[in-house]
Every structure is written in C-alpha cells, then in structure tokens.
N, C-alpha and C. Protein backbone atom coordinates (compact mmCIF):
# COMPACT_ATOMS: atom_id res chain seq x y z
N MET A 1 -4.99 7.56 64.52
CA MET A 1 -4.24 8.53 63.97
C MET A 1 -4.60 9.83 64.36
N HIS A 2 -3.42 10.61 64.21
CA HIS A 2 -3.47 11.93 65.14
C HIS A 2 -3.34 13.12 64.28
N TRP A 3 -3.80 14.36 64.30
CA TRP A 3 -3.36 15.25 63.40
C TRP A 3 -2.74 16.46 64.17
N ILE A 4 -1.65 17.11 63.11
CA ILE A 4 -1.15 18.00 64.01
C ILE A 4 -1.05 19.41 62.86
N PRO A 5 -1.57 20.50 63.49
CA PRO A 5 -1.71 21.46 62.50
C PRO A 5 -0.48 22.39 62.67
N ASN A 6 -0.21 23.27 61.78
CA ASN A 6 0.88 24.12 61.96
C ASN A 6 0.41 24.95 62.91
N LEU A 7 1.71 25.94 63.40
CA LEU A 7 1.59 26.69 64.40
C LEU A 7 0.92 27.98 64.39
N LYS A 8 0.45 28.45 63.09
CA LYS A 8 -0.06 29.55 62.84
C LYS A 8 -1.80 29.32 63.09
N SER A 9 -2.33 30.41 64.02
CA SER A 9 -3.63 30.44 64.29
C SER A 9 -4.51 30.56 63.11
N SER A 10 -5.78 30.17 63.32
CA SER A 10 -6.78 30.55 62.39
C SER A 10 -6.92 31.91 62.34
N GLU A 11 -7.07 32.57 63.37
CA GLU A 11 -7.19 34.17 63.34
C GLU A 11 -6.04 34.52 62.49
N GLU A 12 -4.96 34.48 62.54
CA GLU A 12 -3.66 34.78 61.90
C GLU A 12 -3.95 34.41 60.21
N ASN A 13 -4.49 33.46 59.89
CA ASN A 13 -4.59 32.60 58.80
C ASN A 13 -6.13 33.37 58.07
N ASN A 14 -7.07 33.18 58.65
CA ASN A 14 -8.45 33.66 58.29
C ASN A 14 -8.86 33.32 56.82
N LEU A 15 -8.33 32.32 56.24
CA LEU A 15 -8.54 31.88 54.75
C LEU A 15 -9.77 31.13 54.66
N GLY A 16 -10.22 30.23 55.67
CA GLY A 16 -11.11 29.42 55.45
C GLY A 16 -10.76 28.07 55.21
N ASN A 17 -11.74 27.00 55.14
CA ASN A 17 -11.45 25.58 54.69
C ASN A 17 -11.37 25.42 53.38
N ILE A 18 -10.34 24.64 53.11
CA ILE A 18 -10.30 24.29 51.50
C ILE A 18 -10.89 22.77 51.23
N LEU A 19 -10.44 22.17 52.54
CA LEU A 19 -10.76 20.71 52.26
C LEU A 19 -11.53 20.22 53.67
N GLU A 20 -12.57 19.63 53.67
CA GLU A 20 -13.40 19.35 54.90
C GLU A 20 -13.73 17.89 54.61
N ILE A 21 -13.40 16.87 55.50
CA ILE A 21 -13.68 15.35 55.39
C ILE A 21 -14.94 15.39 56.56
N LYS A 22 -16.08 14.64 56.19
CA LYS A 22 -17.08 14.73 57.28
C LYS A 22 -17.63 13.15 57.59
N ASN A 23 -17.35 12.42 58.63
CA ASN A 23 -17.91 11.32 58.84
C ASN A 23 -17.48 10.18 57.65
N LEU A 24 -16.18 10.27 57.34
CA LEU A 24 -15.73 9.11 56.14
C LEU A 24 -15.36 7.85 56.77
N THR A 25 -16.01 6.80 56.23
CA THR A 25 -15.86 5.46 56.45
C THR A 25 -15.60 4.74 55.36
N VAL A 26 -14.28 3.97 55.45
CA VAL A 26 -13.99 3.29 54.29
C VAL A 26 -13.81 1.82 54.67
N ASN A 27 -14.21 0.93 53.88
CA ASN A 27 -13.90 -0.47 54.38
C ASN A 27 -13.12 -1.31 53.16
N TYR A 28 -12.40 -2.16 53.63
CA TYR A 28 -11.77 -3.38 52.37
C TYR A 28 -12.67 -4.43 52.76
N VAL A 29 -13.09 -4.98 51.71
CA VAL A 29 -13.87 -6.20 51.91
C VAL A 29 -13.17 -7.58 51.27
N THR A 30 -12.65 -8.38 52.00
CA THR A 30 -11.78 -9.47 51.34
C THR A 30 -12.16 -10.81 51.74
N GLU A 31 -11.72 -11.86 51.06
CA GLU A 31 -12.26 -13.11 51.50
C GLU A 31 -11.98 -13.64 52.95
N ASP A 32 -11.30 -12.98 53.64
CA ASP A 32 -11.11 -13.20 55.00
C ASP A 32 -11.86 -12.50 55.93
N GLY A 33 -12.95 -11.34 55.31
CA GLY A 33 -13.67 -10.63 56.09
C GLY A 33 -13.46 -9.07 55.57
N THR A 34 -14.23 -8.21 56.45
CA THR A 34 -14.18 -6.83 56.40
C THR A 34 -13.18 -5.92 56.97
N VAL A 35 -12.29 -5.39 56.59
CA VAL A 35 -11.18 -4.68 57.31
C VAL A 35 -11.89 -3.08 57.44
N HIS A 36 -11.95 -2.69 58.65
CA HIS A 36 -12.48 -1.28 58.65
C HIS A 36 -11.27 -0.41 58.91
N ALA A 37 -11.00 0.32 57.35
CA ALA A 37 -9.99 1.14 57.34
C ALA A 37 -9.91 2.46 58.00
N LEU A 38 -11.08 3.19 57.83
CA LEU A 38 -11.52 4.39 58.50
C LEU A 38 -12.91 4.49 58.76
N ASN A 39 -12.93 4.95 59.96
CA ASN A 39 -14.27 4.90 60.81
C ASN A 39 -14.66 6.27 61.32
N GLY A 40 -15.53 6.74 60.33
CA GLY A 40 -16.06 8.12 60.75
C GLY A 40 -14.90 9.32 60.87
N VAL A 41 -14.05 9.41 59.93
CA VAL A 41 -12.99 10.39 60.10
C VAL A 41 -13.54 11.54 59.53
N ASP A 42 -13.26 12.74 60.70
CA ASP A 42 -13.82 14.21 60.46
C ASP A 42 -12.37 14.77 60.42
N LEU A 43 -12.36 15.93 59.59
CA LEU A 43 -10.88 16.62 59.26
C LEU A 43 -11.29 17.69 58.59
N ALA A 44 -10.67 18.95 58.87
CA ALA A 44 -10.81 20.20 58.16
C ALA A 44 -9.50 20.74 57.90
N LEU A 45 -9.26 21.05 56.77
CA LEU A 45 -7.84 21.67 56.59
C LEU A 45 -8.12 23.19 55.91
N GLU A 46 -7.55 24.12 56.67
CA GLU A 46 -7.66 25.43 56.09
C GLU A 46 -6.81 25.72 55.20
N GLU A 47 -7.14 26.83 54.12
CA GLU A 47 -6.33 27.13 53.18
C GLU A 47 -4.77 27.83 53.90
N GLY A 48 -3.77 27.42 53.21
CA GLY A 48 -2.63 28.06 53.89
C GLY A 48 -2.00 27.37 55.12
N ILE A 49 -2.73 26.18 55.48
CA ILE A 49 -2.02 25.63 56.75
C ILE A 49 -1.48 24.27 56.26
N THR A 50 -0.43 23.79 57.13
CA THR A 50 0.19 22.64 56.71
C THR A 50 -0.36 21.54 57.90
N LEU A 51 -0.97 20.59 57.49
CA LEU A 51 -1.28 19.34 58.54
C LEU A 51 -0.82 18.21 58.18
N GLY A 52 -0.42 17.54 59.44
CA GLY A 52 0.21 16.39 59.63
C GLY A 52 -0.49 15.31 60.34
N LEU A 53 -0.64 14.11 59.71
CA LEU A 53 -1.27 12.80 60.19
C LEU A 53 -0.24 11.98 60.72
N ILE A 54 -0.53 11.37 61.79
CA ILE A 54 0.46 10.44 62.28
C ILE A 54 -0.19 9.07 62.70
N GLY A 55 0.45 8.02 62.54
CA GLY A 55 -0.26 6.90 63.06
C GLY A 55 0.85 5.56 62.70
N GLU A 56 0.69 4.60 63.22
CA GLU A 56 1.50 3.44 62.76
C GLU A 56 1.08 3.00 61.45
N THR A 57 1.84 1.81 61.23
CA THR A 57 1.51 1.31 59.64
C THR A 57 0.02 0.48 59.93
N GLY A 58 -0.77 0.77 58.98
CA GLY A 58 -2.06 -0.02 59.03
C GLY A 58 -3.17 0.96 59.52
N ALA A 59 -2.77 2.41 60.12
CA ALA A 59 -3.76 3.26 60.86
C ALA A 59 -4.68 3.87 59.85
N GLY A 60 -4.60 3.91 58.51
CA GLY A 60 -5.42 4.53 57.41
C GLY A 60 -5.08 5.73 56.75
N LYS A 61 -3.79 6.13 56.99
CA LYS A 61 -3.22 7.42 56.38
C LYS A 61 -3.12 7.41 54.91
N THR A 62 -2.62 6.07 54.26
CA THR A 62 -2.83 6.14 52.67
C THR A 62 -4.11 5.84 52.31
N THR A 63 -4.89 5.37 53.15
CA THR A 63 -6.49 4.87 52.58
C THR A 63 -7.01 6.31 52.63
N LEU A 64 -6.64 7.09 53.47
CA LEU A 64 -7.47 8.47 53.51
C LEU A 64 -6.88 9.38 52.33
N ALA A 65 -5.77 9.08 52.09
CA ALA A 65 -5.00 10.17 51.02
C ALA A 65 -5.82 9.67 49.81
N LYS A 66 -5.88 8.48 49.48
CA LYS A 66 -6.08 7.78 48.38
C LYS A 66 -7.68 8.13 48.05
N THR A 67 -8.71 7.96 49.26
CA THR A 67 -9.73 8.30 49.10
C THR A 67 -10.23 9.88 48.63
N ILE A 68 -9.45 10.52 49.27
CA ILE A 68 -9.50 12.04 48.74
C ILE A 68 -9.33 12.16 47.24
N MET A 69 -8.28 11.64 47.02
CA MET A 69 -7.76 11.49 45.20
C MET A 69 -8.85 10.76 44.68
N ARG A 70 -9.58 9.92 45.13
CA ARG A 70 -10.39 8.97 44.52
C ARG A 70 -9.72 7.93 43.68
N ILE A 71 -8.82 7.59 44.33
CA ILE A 71 -7.92 6.41 43.69
C ILE A 71 -7.94 5.13 44.46
N ILE A 72 -8.77 4.93 45.26
CA ILE A 72 -8.69 3.75 46.34
C ILE A 72 -9.34 2.59 45.47
N PRO A 73 -8.65 1.45 45.32
CA PRO A 73 -9.30 0.61 44.49
C PRO A 73 -10.47 -0.13 44.84
N GLN A 74 -11.45 -0.01 43.98
CA GLN A 74 -12.93 -0.72 44.25
C GLN A 74 -13.36 -1.49 43.24
N PRO A 75 -13.30 -2.98 43.68
CA PRO A 75 -13.06 -3.37 44.96
C PRO A 75 -11.69 -3.46 45.26
N PRO A 76 -11.00 -3.84 46.21
CA PRO A 76 -11.78 -4.51 47.37
C PRO A 76 -12.29 -3.25 48.39
N GLY A 77 -11.80 -1.96 47.88
CA GLY A 77 -12.08 -0.78 48.86
C GLY A 77 -13.56 -0.23 48.68
N LYS A 78 -14.26 0.09 49.77
CA LYS A 78 -15.64 0.38 49.60
C LYS A 78 -15.92 1.59 50.46
N ILE A 79 -16.19 2.93 49.97
CA ILE A 79 -16.49 4.20 50.71
C ILE A 79 -17.65 3.94 51.13
N VAL A 80 -18.07 3.56 52.57
CA VAL A 80 -19.39 3.29 53.06
C VAL A 80 -20.35 4.45 53.39
N SER A 81 -19.57 5.45 53.95
CA SER A 81 -20.13 7.03 54.20
C SER A 81 -19.27 7.84 53.93
N GLY A 82 -19.95 9.20 54.35
CA GLY A 82 -19.26 10.58 54.42
C GLY A 82 -19.24 11.10 53.27
N GLU A 83 -18.11 12.59 53.44
CA GLU A 83 -18.03 13.51 52.40
C GLU A 83 -16.89 13.78 52.32
N VAL A 84 -16.35 14.10 51.36
CA VAL A 84 -14.76 14.85 51.06
C VAL A 84 -15.00 16.06 50.27
N MET A 85 -15.39 17.25 51.03
CA MET A 85 -15.64 18.50 50.55
C MET A 85 -14.33 19.15 49.78
N PHE A 86 -14.29 19.64 48.94
CA PHE A 86 -13.16 20.39 48.44
C PHE A 86 -13.71 21.64 47.69
N GLU A 87 -13.51 22.76 48.38
CA GLU A 87 -13.97 24.14 48.11
C GLU A 87 -15.56 24.12 47.80
N GLY A 88 -16.34 23.44 48.85
CA GLY A 88 -17.58 23.25 48.74
C GLY A 88 -18.12 22.28 47.79
N THR A 89 -17.29 21.31 47.09
CA THR A 89 -17.91 20.16 46.29
C THR A 89 -17.36 18.83 46.85
N ASP A 90 -18.44 17.95 47.00
CA ASP A 90 -18.14 16.55 47.44
C ASP A 90 -17.54 16.00 46.43
N LEU A 91 -16.30 15.41 46.41
CA LEU A 91 -15.40 14.99 45.53
C LEU A 91 -15.85 13.57 45.31
N LEU A 92 -16.66 12.86 46.27
CA LEU A 92 -17.02 11.67 46.19
C LEU A 92 -18.17 11.49 45.25
N LYS A 93 -18.78 12.75 44.69
CA LYS A 93 -20.17 12.50 43.91
C LYS A 93 -19.61 13.35 42.80
N VAL A 94 -18.38 13.80 42.48
CA VAL A 94 -18.10 14.38 41.26
C VAL A 94 -17.77 13.25 40.09
N ASN A 95 -18.27 13.56 39.00
CA ASN A 95 -17.92 12.55 37.70
C ASN A 95 -16.63 12.29 37.50
N ASN A 96 -16.20 11.27 36.87
CA ASN A 96 -14.79 10.56 36.82
C ASN A 96 -14.03 11.82 35.77
N ALA A 97 -14.54 12.38 34.67
CA ALA A 97 -13.80 13.32 34.14
C ALA A 97 -13.35 14.59 34.78
N ASP A 98 -14.35 15.19 35.44
CA ASP A 98 -14.08 16.27 36.29
C ASP A 98 -12.98 16.03 37.37
N MET A 99 -13.30 14.74 38.18
CA MET A 99 -12.23 14.51 39.23
C MET A 99 -10.76 14.33 38.42
N ARG A 100 -10.58 13.86 37.27
CA ARG A 100 -9.24 13.90 36.67
C ARG A 100 -8.79 15.25 36.33
N LYS A 101 -9.51 16.26 36.03
CA LYS A 101 -9.17 17.55 36.00
C LYS A 101 -8.61 17.98 37.47
N ILE A 102 -9.52 17.56 38.61
CA ILE A 102 -8.95 18.16 39.94
C ILE A 102 -7.79 17.45 40.35
N ARG A 103 -7.38 16.19 39.93
CA ARG A 103 -6.19 15.51 40.46
C ARG A 103 -5.14 16.16 39.48
N GLY A 104 -4.01 16.58 40.16
CA GLY A 104 -2.78 17.15 39.55
C GLY A 104 -2.88 18.57 39.48
N GLU A 105 -4.12 19.06 39.08
CA GLU A 105 -4.11 20.50 38.92
C GLU A 105 -4.57 21.20 40.16
N GLU A 106 -5.79 20.62 41.00
CA GLU A 106 -6.26 21.40 42.03
C GLU A 106 -5.65 20.53 43.46
N ILE A 107 -5.54 19.49 43.36
CA ILE A 107 -5.05 18.61 44.32
C ILE A 107 -3.88 17.40 43.82
N SER A 108 -2.75 17.34 44.51
CA SER A 108 -1.74 16.74 43.95
C SER A 108 -1.43 15.60 45.09
N MET A 109 -0.84 14.62 44.62
CA MET A 109 -0.40 13.60 45.69
C MET A 109 1.19 13.21 45.25
N ILE A 110 1.92 12.87 46.51
CA ILE A 110 3.17 12.49 46.39
C ILE A 110 3.09 11.09 46.99
N PHE A 111 3.29 10.06 46.11
CA PHE A 111 3.16 8.68 46.53
C PHE A 111 4.62 8.42 47.47
N GLN A 112 4.35 7.29 48.39
CA GLN A 112 5.49 6.81 49.13
C GLN A 112 6.58 6.00 48.05
N ASP A 113 6.05 5.41 47.42
CA ASP A 113 7.09 4.78 46.30
C ASP A 113 7.24 5.31 44.93
N PRO A 114 8.23 6.25 44.92
CA PRO A 114 8.34 6.89 43.78
C PRO A 114 8.49 6.05 42.30
N MET A 115 8.67 4.71 42.41
CA MET A 115 8.84 4.00 41.14
C MET A 115 7.35 3.57 40.69
N SER A 116 6.55 3.39 41.58
CA SER A 116 5.16 3.30 41.10
C SER A 116 4.48 4.44 40.59
N SER A 117 5.31 5.53 40.82
CA SER A 117 4.43 6.68 40.19
C SER A 117 5.19 6.86 38.70
N LEU A 118 6.37 6.48 38.39
CA LEU A 118 7.11 6.85 37.32
C LEU A 118 7.07 5.95 36.28
N ASN A 119 6.93 6.41 35.06
CA ASN A 119 6.97 5.24 33.81
C ASN A 119 8.54 4.81 33.54
N PRO A 120 8.88 3.50 33.82
CA PRO A 120 10.10 3.35 33.68
C PRO A 120 10.65 3.31 32.29
N VAL A 121 10.17 3.59 31.08
CA VAL A 121 10.47 3.76 29.77
C VAL A 121 10.27 5.00 29.45
N MET A 122 10.19 5.91 30.07
CA MET A 122 9.65 7.42 29.63
C MET A 122 10.79 8.20 30.24
N ARG A 123 11.24 9.11 29.76
CA ARG A 123 12.32 10.23 30.41
C ARG A 123 11.65 11.04 31.37
N VAL A 124 12.40 11.27 32.42
CA VAL A 124 11.76 12.09 33.41
C VAL A 124 11.22 13.33 32.96
N GLY A 125 12.08 14.06 32.26
CA GLY A 125 11.47 15.26 31.93
C GLY A 125 10.14 15.20 31.02
N ASP A 126 10.23 14.22 30.13
CA ASP A 126 8.83 14.11 29.46
C ASP A 126 7.76 13.69 30.33
N GLN A 127 7.66 13.12 31.64
CA GLN A 127 6.82 12.71 32.59
C GLN A 127 6.27 14.16 33.05
N ILE A 128 7.48 14.88 33.62
CA ILE A 128 6.93 16.11 34.08
C ILE A 128 6.02 17.07 33.11
N VAL A 129 6.64 16.91 31.82
CA VAL A 129 6.09 18.00 30.73
C VAL A 129 4.62 17.47 30.49
N GLU A 130 4.49 16.06 30.49
CA GLU A 130 3.11 15.32 30.35
C GLU A 130 2.11 15.89 31.45
N ALA A 131 2.71 15.81 32.54
CA ALA A 131 1.82 16.40 33.79
C ALA A 131 1.45 17.96 33.46
N ILE A 132 2.33 18.66 33.23
CA ILE A 132 1.94 20.07 33.00
C ILE A 132 1.02 20.22 31.45
N LYS A 133 1.31 19.62 30.47
CA LYS A 133 0.40 19.63 29.32
C LYS A 133 -0.98 19.18 29.46
N THR A 134 -1.22 18.11 30.52
CA THR A 134 -2.52 17.54 30.85
C THR A 134 -3.39 18.53 31.48
N HIS A 135 -2.82 19.71 32.17
CA HIS A 135 -3.66 20.27 33.11
C HIS A 135 -3.84 21.77 32.67
N GLU A 136 -2.46 22.19 31.60
CA GLU A 136 -2.39 23.46 31.36
C GLU A 136 -2.66 23.50 29.94
N ARG A 137 -3.30 24.79 29.24
CA ARG A 137 -3.07 24.96 27.89
C ARG A 137 -1.94 25.80 27.35
N ILE A 138 -0.71 24.90 27.26
CA ILE A 138 0.36 25.75 26.92
C ILE A 138 1.16 25.30 25.86
N SER A 139 2.17 25.82 25.15
CA SER A 139 2.78 25.01 24.05
C SER A 139 3.95 23.85 24.55
N SER A 140 4.40 23.24 23.93
CA SER A 140 5.30 22.13 24.28
C SER A 140 6.65 22.98 24.61
N VAL A 141 7.00 23.79 23.99
CA VAL A 141 8.10 24.57 24.56
C VAL A 141 7.94 25.32 25.94
N ALA A 142 6.72 25.83 26.34
CA ALA A 142 6.49 26.49 27.31
C ALA A 142 6.44 25.31 28.58
N ALA A 143 5.85 24.22 28.05
CA ALA A 143 5.80 23.10 29.32
C ALA A 143 7.36 22.68 29.56
N THR A 144 8.00 22.41 28.34
CA THR A 144 9.46 22.08 28.62
C THR A 144 10.20 22.93 29.69
N ARG A 145 9.95 24.37 29.42
CA ARG A 145 10.64 25.33 30.03
C ARG A 145 10.10 25.37 31.73
N LYS A 146 8.99 25.17 31.74
CA LYS A 146 8.54 25.08 32.98
C LYS A 146 8.77 23.54 33.86
N ALA A 147 9.00 22.60 33.14
CA ALA A 147 9.35 21.34 33.39
C ALA A 147 10.93 21.66 33.89
N CYS A 148 11.76 22.31 33.40
CA CYS A 148 13.01 22.63 33.63
C CYS A 148 13.13 23.26 34.88
N GLU A 149 12.15 24.33 35.04
CA GLU A 149 12.20 25.13 36.16
C GLU A 149 11.74 24.17 37.33
N MET A 150 11.01 23.34 37.41
CA MET A 150 10.39 22.39 38.48
C MET A 150 11.47 21.37 38.85
N ILE A 151 12.19 20.67 37.81
CA ILE A 151 13.37 19.83 38.22
C ILE A 151 14.36 20.45 38.86
N GLU A 152 14.58 21.73 38.28
CA GLU A 152 15.67 22.72 39.22
C GLU A 152 15.33 23.01 40.51
N LEU A 153 13.95 23.36 40.74
CA LEU A 153 13.41 23.76 42.13
C LEU A 153 13.61 22.58 42.96
N VAL A 154 13.37 21.44 42.59
CA VAL A 154 13.87 20.20 43.62
C VAL A 154 15.27 19.76 43.65
N GLY A 155 16.13 20.52 43.22
CA GLY A 155 17.50 20.33 43.25
C GLY A 155 18.26 19.29 42.35
N ILE A 156 17.69 19.26 41.17
CA ILE A 156 18.32 18.26 40.07
C ILE A 156 18.58 19.06 38.89
N ASN A 157 19.79 19.12 38.43
CA ASN A 157 20.22 19.82 37.32
C ASN A 157 19.24 19.39 36.07
N ALA A 158 18.96 20.44 35.37
CA ALA A 158 17.75 20.17 34.28
C ALA A 158 18.41 19.51 33.18
N GLU A 159 19.89 19.33 33.10
CA GLU A 159 20.46 18.44 32.00
C GLU A 159 19.86 17.07 32.12
N ARG A 160 19.55 16.68 33.47
CA ARG A 160 19.01 15.17 33.87
C ARG A 160 17.66 14.74 33.33
N MET A 161 17.04 15.83 32.62
CA MET A 161 15.65 15.63 32.32
C MET A 161 15.52 14.37 31.06
N GLU A 162 16.66 14.34 30.36
CA GLU A 162 16.64 13.40 29.40
C GLU A 162 16.91 11.95 29.81
N GLU A 163 17.23 11.75 31.21
CA GLU A 163 17.53 10.46 31.75
C GLU A 163 16.25 9.63 32.02
N TYR A 164 16.15 8.51 32.20
CA TYR A 164 15.32 7.41 32.56
C TYR A 164 15.04 7.37 34.24
N PRO A 165 13.94 7.03 34.88
CA PRO A 165 13.97 6.74 36.16
C PRO A 165 15.22 5.78 36.59
N HIS A 166 15.40 4.82 36.14
CA HIS A 166 16.48 3.94 36.65
C HIS A 166 17.96 4.69 36.79
N GLN A 167 18.07 5.78 36.03
CA GLN A 167 19.42 6.32 36.20
C GLN A 167 19.20 7.13 37.30
N PHE A 168 18.46 7.29 38.17
CA PHE A 168 18.50 8.17 39.34
C PHE A 168 18.36 7.28 40.70
N SER A 169 18.95 7.71 41.70
CA SER A 169 18.89 7.18 43.25
C SER A 169 17.45 7.12 43.56
N GLY A 170 17.13 6.47 44.77
CA GLY A 170 15.48 6.47 45.01
C GLY A 170 15.39 7.75 45.63
N GLY A 171 16.42 8.65 46.43
CA GLY A 171 16.07 10.04 46.64
C GLY A 171 15.62 10.87 45.56
N MET A 172 16.43 10.82 44.43
CA MET A 172 16.26 11.77 43.36
C MET A 172 15.11 11.13 42.65
N LYS A 173 14.68 9.84 42.51
CA LYS A 173 13.35 9.62 41.91
C LYS A 173 12.17 10.31 42.78
N GLN A 174 12.29 10.46 44.18
CA GLN A 174 11.14 10.99 44.83
C GLN A 174 11.26 12.34 44.75
N ARG A 175 12.30 13.17 44.18
CA ARG A 175 12.31 14.22 43.94
C ARG A 175 11.66 14.46 42.62
N VAL A 176 11.86 13.73 41.67
CA VAL A 176 11.20 13.91 40.27
C VAL A 176 9.78 13.90 40.68
N VAL A 177 9.08 12.83 41.67
CA VAL A 177 7.77 12.83 41.79
C VAL A 177 7.13 14.02 42.30
N ILE A 178 7.95 14.66 43.40
CA ILE A 178 7.61 16.02 43.78
C ILE A 178 7.50 17.22 42.77
N ALA A 179 8.46 17.05 41.78
CA ALA A 179 8.35 18.18 40.89
C ALA A 179 7.04 18.02 40.03
N ILE A 180 6.50 16.57 39.48
CA ILE A 180 5.52 16.48 38.89
C ILE A 180 4.17 16.94 39.70
N ALA A 181 4.37 16.57 41.11
CA ALA A 181 3.09 17.09 41.95
C ALA A 181 3.02 18.55 42.01
N LEU A 182 4.16 19.32 42.04
CA LEU A 182 4.05 20.64 42.20
C LEU A 182 4.07 21.33 40.90
N ALA A 183 4.20 20.78 39.64
CA ALA A 183 4.05 21.24 38.31
C ALA A 183 3.15 22.20 38.06
N CYS A 184 1.68 21.90 38.61
CA CYS A 184 0.65 22.66 38.30
C CYS A 184 0.03 23.51 39.63
N SER A 185 0.92 23.77 40.46
CA SER A 185 0.79 24.74 41.71
C SER A 185 -0.80 24.35 42.16
N PRO A 186 -0.93 23.14 42.77
CA PRO A 186 -2.09 22.65 43.43
C PRO A 186 -2.32 23.42 44.48
N LYS A 187 -3.81 23.36 45.00
CA LYS A 187 -4.01 24.17 46.02
C LYS A 187 -3.82 23.30 47.16
N VAL A 188 -4.03 21.98 47.04
CA VAL A 188 -3.54 20.85 48.20
C VAL A 188 -2.71 19.98 47.84
N LEU A 189 -1.55 19.70 48.55
CA LEU A 189 -0.61 18.96 48.08
C LEU A 189 -0.84 17.72 49.34
N ILE A 190 -0.92 16.51 48.82
CA ILE A 190 -1.10 15.31 49.81
C ILE A 190 0.42 14.71 49.85
N ALA A 191 1.19 14.42 50.72
CA ALA A 191 2.52 13.89 50.84
C ALA A 191 2.18 12.35 51.42
N ASP A 192 2.04 11.44 51.02
CA ASP A 192 1.87 10.11 51.49
C ASP A 192 3.42 9.57 52.21
C-alpha cells in the first residue's frame, strides 16, 4: 500500500494533523490460520489535505478504513496494536456511545458497495434525513430541507427523494451514499 498526498505543501497548509495512525497492526484469525492484514501502519493526515492510498486487492485498504471507523468485525478481526488518533483522541479507546457520535458527524465513510449501505425498504430521502437527525439537533422540516440540498449537491433531482434504492442505477445509489456521508459536514471523509 502506498500513500499519495495532494500537492499542497504543509507550509502552505499549516493546519496540523487531524488523523494520525501509529503502528497499527490488525489480524484476521480464521480456521485456516491468521491473516496479517495490517502490519505496523503509520500514517498522518493533515487537516485540509487529500490523501490517497493505493494497493492491489487484499492490501488492507478497506481494513484500514474500517479500523479507523471502528467497524471491523471482531471476530474474525483483531486489532493487535497501535493507535488511531483523531484530534488527539485514540479512537480505539473511545467508548461505543462516543464512537457512534464521531461516526457520521466527525468522520464519515463512503463504502464500495452502495447497496450494503442503503436500506432497500426505506426511501432514499428518509435515509439522508435520518443521518442528519442522528447527529444534528434540528427539526424534521430543517433536516428534510438539508437532505434536499445534499441530494441536489450530488446531482440528483430532489424530487427523487421519495424513491427507493432499487429505482436508482448503481452510480446514482453511490451518489446517495455520498450525500449521506457529506450530510453532517464531517472533518474526515473516507472513500473506500
């Protein structure tokens, strides 16, 4: 796995690290043995910087993203060592209730497969509204207004908010997932 920072130098940016990963090691323990998914990963993300990770399938990109979000399935996943520091707090030590607040509000993730992120029996607009109301104390009317803005932002007509995920193409579903991820203006956005 390799990282590619954006071209803005740290002197131009001068905002500091928002996310630091230190010596992160994650294994998957299976009946067939132990898979060493991440081995001592170190990474720093400065506020305002775009960072890209590249690597072949199985290199650990998704495992890293899910570990940051603390949604790695345990078992079979096991965080062996390391720290995931977000604004000076180790996310690996935060209690579950606080981590739920951080997810979506402070750090959001766009998953590879939009259908695994969308509820098939819930209108897409309601799903965006739900994400907003989970993290912001605003009225249903204000949340709906913001959801309309978010869906328009990703290039979908707000009239389609009453439709269900199966009524959208794969690319449109991905846009809905992006709208949900951006809805609460997270400080870190992870795109898997």
